[in-house]
C-alpha atoms as a PDB file:
ATOM      1  CA  MET A   1       7.452   6.976 -24.303  1.00  0.00           C
ATOM      2  CA  GLU A   2       4.775   6.647 -21.621  1.00  0.00           C
ATOM      3  CA  SER A   3       5.752   6.149 -18.005  1.00  0.00           C
ATOM      4  CA  ILE A   4       4.143   6.051 -14.599  1.00  0.00           C
ATOM      5  CA  LYS A   5       5.345   7.710 -11.422  1.00  0.00           C
ATOM      6  CA  VAL A   6       5.334   5.504  -8.337  1.00  0.00           C
ATOM      7  CA  ILE A   7       6.387   5.898  -4.745  1.00  0.00           C
ATOM      8  CA  ALA A   8       8.742   3.028  -3.946  1.00  0.00           C
ATOM      9  CA  PHE A   9       8.425   1.352  -0.550  1.00  0.00           C
ATOM     10  CA  SER A  10       9.570  -1.817   1.192  1.00  0.00           C
ATOM     11  CA  LEU A  11       7.761  -4.675   2.877  1.00  0.00           C
ATOM     12  CA  ARG A  12      10.201  -7.160   4.360  1.00  0.00           C
ATOM     13  CA  ASP A  13      13.012  -7.302   1.792  1.00  0.00           C
ATOM     14  CA  GLU A  14      10.843  -6.730  -1.273  1.00  0.00           C
ATOM     15  CA  GLU A  15      10.294  -3.470  -3.103  1.00  0.00           C
ATOM     16  CA  TYR A  16       6.813  -2.307  -4.044  1.00  0.00           C
ATOM     17  CA  GLY A  17       5.435   0.671  -5.926  1.00  0.00           C
ATOM     18  CA  LEU A  18       2.223   2.648  -5.626  1.00  0.00           C
ATOM     19  CA  ASN A  19       0.980   5.066  -8.270  1.00  0.00           C
ATOM     20  CA  ILE A  20       1.820   8.568  -7.018  1.00  0.00           C
ATOM     21  CA  ASP A  21      -1.528   9.911  -8.289  1.00  0.00           C
ATOM     22  CA  TYR A  22      -3.239   8.337  -5.265  1.00  0.00           C
ATOM     23  CA  VAL A  23      -0.692   9.377  -2.631  1.00  0.00           C
ATOM     24  CA  GLN A  24      -1.688  12.307  -0.426  1.00  0.00           C
ATOM     25  CA  SER A  25       1.323  12.272   1.915  1.00  0.00           C
ATOM     26  CA  ILE A  26       3.882  10.126   3.696  1.00  0.00           C
ATOM     27  CA  GLU A  27       3.870  10.335   7.485  1.00  0.00           C
ATOM     28  CA  ARG A  28       5.767   8.958  10.434  1.00  0.00           C
ATOM     29  CA  LEU A  29       3.824   6.396  12.444  1.00  0.00           C
ATOM     30  CA  SER A  30       1.881   8.207  15.162  1.00  0.00           C
ATOM     31  CA  PRO A  31      -0.128   6.778  18.083  1.00  0.00           C
ATOM     32  CA  ILE A  32      -2.877   4.472  16.828  1.00  0.00           C
ATOM     33  CA  THR A  33      -6.346   4.256  18.345  1.00  0.00           C
ATOM     34  CA  ARG A  34      -7.478   0.632  18.238  1.00  0.00           C
ATOM     35  CA  VAL A  35     -10.901  -0.189  16.815  1.00  0.00           C
ATOM     36  CA  PRO A  36     -12.800  -3.332  17.933  1.00  0.00           C
ATOM     37  CA  ASN A  37     -14.170  -6.006  15.572  1.00  0.00           C
ATOM     38  CA  VAL A  38     -11.975  -5.294  12.558  1.00  0.00           C
ATOM     39  CA  PRO A  39      -9.712  -7.652  10.578  1.00  0.00           C
ATOM     40  CA  SER A  40      -6.242  -8.154  12.122  1.00  0.00           C
ATOM     41  CA  TYR A  41      -4.532  -6.116   9.403  1.00  0.00           C
ATOM     42  CA  VAL A  42      -6.615  -3.037  10.299  1.00  0.00           C
ATOM     43  CA  LYS A  43      -4.477  -1.570  13.062  1.00  0.00           C
ATOM     44  CA  GLY A  44      -6.898   1.205  14.022  1.00  0.00           C
ATOM     45  CA  VAL A  45      -7.228   4.890  13.206  1.00  0.00           C
ATOM     46  CA  ILE A  46      -5.113   8.020  13.529  1.00  0.00           C
ATOM     47  CA  ASN A  47      -6.057  11.670  13.720  1.00  0.00           C
ATOM     48  CA  LEU A  48      -4.128  13.352  10.919  1.00  0.00           C
ATOM     49  CA  ARG A  49      -4.601  17.108  10.843  1.00  0.00           C
ATOM     50  CA  GLY A  50      -8.220  16.744  11.951  1.00  0.00           C
ATOM     51  CA  ASN A  51      -9.058  13.799   9.663  1.00  0.00           C
ATOM     52  CA  ILE A  52      -9.679  10.311  11.043  1.00  0.00           C
ATOM     53  CA  ILE A  53      -7.682   7.908   8.854  1.00  0.00           C
ATOM     54  CA  PRO A  54      -8.050   4.088   9.060  1.00  0.00           C
ATOM     55  CA  LEU A  55      -4.654   2.323   9.078  1.00  0.00           C
ATOM     56  CA  ILE A  56      -3.990  -0.893   7.154  1.00  0.00           C
ATOM     57  CA  ASP A  57      -0.819  -2.869   7.849  1.00  0.00           C
ATOM     58  CA  LEU A  58      -0.020  -3.633   4.212  1.00  0.00           C
ATOM     59  CA  GLN A  59       2.347  -6.451   5.124  1.00  0.00           C
ATOM     60  CA  SER A  60      -0.452  -8.230   7.044  1.00  0.00           C
ATOM     61  CA  LYS A  61      -3.005  -7.446   4.328  1.00  0.00           C
ATOM     62  CA  LEU A  62      -0.796  -9.109   1.712  1.00  0.00           C
ATOM     63  CA  CYS A  63      -0.222 -12.141   4.002  1.00  0.00           C
ATOM     64  CA  LEU A  64       3.499 -11.454   4.412  1.00  0.00           C
ATOM     65  CA  GLY A  65       3.462 -11.962   8.191  1.00  0.00           C
ATOM     66  CA  GLN A  66       3.697  -9.591  11.132  1.00  0.00           C
ATOM     67  CA  VAL A  67       6.304  -6.896  11.522  1.00  0.00           C
ATOM     68  CA  GLU A  68       7.759  -4.896  14.367  1.00  0.00           C
ATOM     69  CA  TYR A  69       7.442  -1.199  13.693  1.00  0.00           C
ATOM     70  CA  SER A  70      10.680   0.777  13.740  1.00  0.00           C
ATOM     71  CA  GLU A  71      11.993   4.294  13.295  1.00  0.00           C
ATOM     72  CA  SER A  72      11.876   3.829   9.506  1.00  0.00           C
ATOM     73  CA  THR A  73       8.216   2.649   9.484  1.00  0.00           C
ATOM     74  CA  ARG A  74       6.047   5.033   7.456  1.00  0.00           C
ATOM     75  CA  VAL A  75       2.365   5.539   6.702  1.00  0.00           C
ATOM     76  CA  ILE A  76       1.452   6.251   3.087  1.00  0.00           C
ATOM     77  CA  ILE A  77      -1.800   8.232   3.073  1.00  0.00           C
ATOM     78  CA  VAL A  78      -3.774   7.396  -0.071  1.00  0.00           C
ATOM     79  CA  LYS A  79      -7.063   8.577  -1.503  1.00  0.00           C
ATOM     80  CA  PHE A  80      -9.113   6.658  -4.060  1.00  0.00           C
ATOM     81  CA  ASP A  81     -12.526   8.012  -5.002  1.00  0.00           C
ATOM     82  CA  GLU A  82     -13.694   9.377  -1.643  1.00  0.00           C
ATOM     83  CA  ILE A  83     -11.902   6.756   0.472  1.00  0.00           C
ATOM     84  CA  GLU A  84      -8.842   7.850   2.439  1.00  0.00           C
ATOM     85  CA  LEU A  85      -6.620   5.209   4.079  1.00  0.00           C
ATOM     86  CA  GLY A  86      -3.161   4.918   5.551  1.00  0.00           C
ATOM     87  CA  PHE A  87      -0.918   2.008   4.575  1.00  0.00           C
ATOM     88  CA  ILE A  88       1.762   1.071   7.102  1.00  0.00           C
ATOM     89  CA  VAL A  89       4.973   0.061   5.303  1.00  0.00           C
ATOM     90  CA  ASP A  90       8.497  -0.801   6.480  1.00  0.00           C
ATOM     91  CA  LYS A  91      10.007   2.233   4.773  1.00  0.00           C
ATOM     92  CA  THR A  92       9.611   4.456   1.753  1.00  0.00           C
ATOM     93  CA  SER A  93      12.446   5.260  -0.610  1.00  0.00           C
ATOM     94  CA  ASN A  94      11.747   7.596  -3.501  1.00  0.00           C
ATOM     95  CA  VAL A  95       9.489   8.564  -6.376  1.00  0.00           C
ATOM     96  CA  ILE A  96      10.537   6.907  -9.603  1.00  0.00           C
ATOM     97  CA  ASN A  97       9.448   7.190 -13.229  1.00  0.00           C
ATOM     98  CA  ILE A  98       8.950   3.719 -14.676  1.00  0.00           C
ATOM     99  CA  PRO A  99       8.668   3.411 -18.463  1.00  0.00           C
ATOM    100  CA  SER A 100       5.542   1.473 -19.489  1.00  0.00           C
ATOM    101  CA  ASP A 101       7.603  -1.005 -21.503  1.00  0.00           C
ATOM    102  CA  ALA A 102       9.508  -1.981 -18.315  1.00  0.00           C
ATOM    103  CA  ILE A 103       6.296  -3.309 -16.709  1.00  0.00           C
ATOM    104  CA  GLU A 104       5.259  -6.931 -17.101  1.00  0.00           C
ATOM    105  CA  ALA A 105       1.590  -7.722 -16.472  1.00  0.00           C
ATOM    106  CA  ALA A 106       1.005  -9.497 -13.168  1.00  0.00           C
ATOM    107  CA  ALA A 107      -1.347 -12.003 -14.818  1.00  0.00           C
ATOM    108  CA  SER A 108       1.516 -13.521 -16.784  1.00  0.00           C
ATOM    109  CA  SER A 109       3.360 -14.435 -13.561  1.00  0.00           C
ATOM    110  CA  GLY A 110       0.966 -17.252 -12.629  1.00  0.00           C
ATOM    111  CA  PHE A 111       0.394 -15.885  -9.094  1.00  0.00           C
ATOM    112  CA  ASN A 112      -2.815 -14.654  -7.503  1.00  0.00           C
ATOM    113  CA  THR A 113      -2.622 -11.143  -8.812  1.00  0.00           C
ATOM    114  CA  ASP A 114      -5.697  -9.400  -7.444  1.00  0.00           C
ATOM    115  CA  TYR A 115      -3.636  -6.874  -5.488  1.00  0.00           C
ATOM    116  CA  PHE A 116      -0.913  -6.341  -8.099  1.00  0.00           C
ATOM    117  CA  GLU A 117      -0.878  -4.506 -11.428  1.00  0.00           C
ATOM    118  CA  GLY A 118       2.459  -5.816 -12.591  1.00  0.00           C
ATOM    119  CA  ILE A 119       6.154  -6.131 -11.941  1.00  0.00           C
ATOM    120  CA  ALA A 120       8.525  -3.439 -13.128  1.00  0.00           C
ATOM    121  CA  LYS A 121      12.128  -4.042 -14.070  1.00  0.00           C
ATOM    122  CA  TYR A 122      13.837  -0.763 -13.260  1.00  0.00           C
ATOM    123  CA  GLU A 123      17.591  -0.141 -13.001  1.00  0.00           C
ATOM    124  CA  GLY A 124      18.302  -3.721 -11.918  1.00  0.00           C
ATOM    125  CA  ARG A 125      15.453  -3.734  -9.385  1.00  0.00           C
ATOM    126  CA  LEU A 126      12.178  -5.666  -9.440  1.00  0.00           C
ATOM    127  CA  ILE A 127       9.324  -3.500  -8.164  1.00  0.00           C
ATOM    128  CA  ILE A 128       5.917  -5.060  -7.520  1.00  0.00           C
ATOM    129  CA  LEU A 129       3.219  -2.560  -8.485  1.00  0.00           C
ATOM    130  CA  VAL A 130       0.287  -2.490  -6.051  1.00  0.00           C
ATOM    131  CA  ASN A 131      -3.273  -2.302  -7.398  1.00  0.00           C
ATOM    132  CA  LEU A 132      -4.766   0.242  -4.993  1.00  0.00           C
ATOM    133  CA  GLU A 133      -8.274  -0.071  -6.430  1.00  0.00           C
ATOM    134  CA  GLU A 134      -8.426  -3.816  -5.618  1.00  0.00           C
ATOM    135  CA  ILE A 135      -7.077  -3.357  -2.089  1.00  0.00           C
ATOM    136  CA  ILE A 136      -9.602  -0.616  -1.348  1.00  0.00           C
ATOM    137  CA  LYS A 137     -12.415  -2.567  -3.006  1.00  0.00           C
ATOM    138  CA  THR A 138     -11.773  -5.562  -0.723  1.00  0.00           C
ATOM    139  CA  GLU A 139     -11.645  -3.200   2.272  1.00  0.00           C
ATOM    140  CA  ALA A 140     -15.048  -1.771   1.383  1.00  0.00           C
ATOM    141  CA  ASN A 141     -16.528  -5.249   0.829  1.00  0.00           C
ATOM    142  CA  GLU A 142     -15.085  -6.692   4.046  1.00  0.00           C
ATOM    143  CA  SER A 143     -16.285  -3.744   6.126  1.00  0.00           C
ATOM    144  CA  ASP A 144     -19.813  -4.225   4.744  1.00  0.00           C
ATOM    145  CA  VAL A 145     -19.962  -7.793   6.088  1.00  0.00           C
ATOM    146  CA  GLU A 146     -22.239  -8.057   9.098  1.00  0.00           C
ATOM    147  CA  ASP A 147     -21.936 -10.673  11.836  1.00  0.00           C
END
């Protein structure tokens, strides 16, 4: 049986999953350097081991409101193609193996599903699977917009 490995994380009281193939590391939130003229969900950049990483507040990006950062706040460093980003999330939990047959396509839910690949039913939990490619694609398109 096929399965996918995801890193489980929380935004507000909901659980989300991100394909582990794209995850470089999980870091504590470090001091952020603000960048002018960026969307409100782009919190700035961090210097991570010599690399400048843009930070996206995933809760803001997904229109779930603002959040106060806490001791459990984490940054998931992801890489897709040559793009490296950090996603700020409330907390991360664990890596889980989700069987393919436990995933329902997001399109069948009737919601705007651009940023989601599906919803997994796993051990009594509902885990919303994030579509990293779409989130990064919108980032690239929005950063190309000139005033």
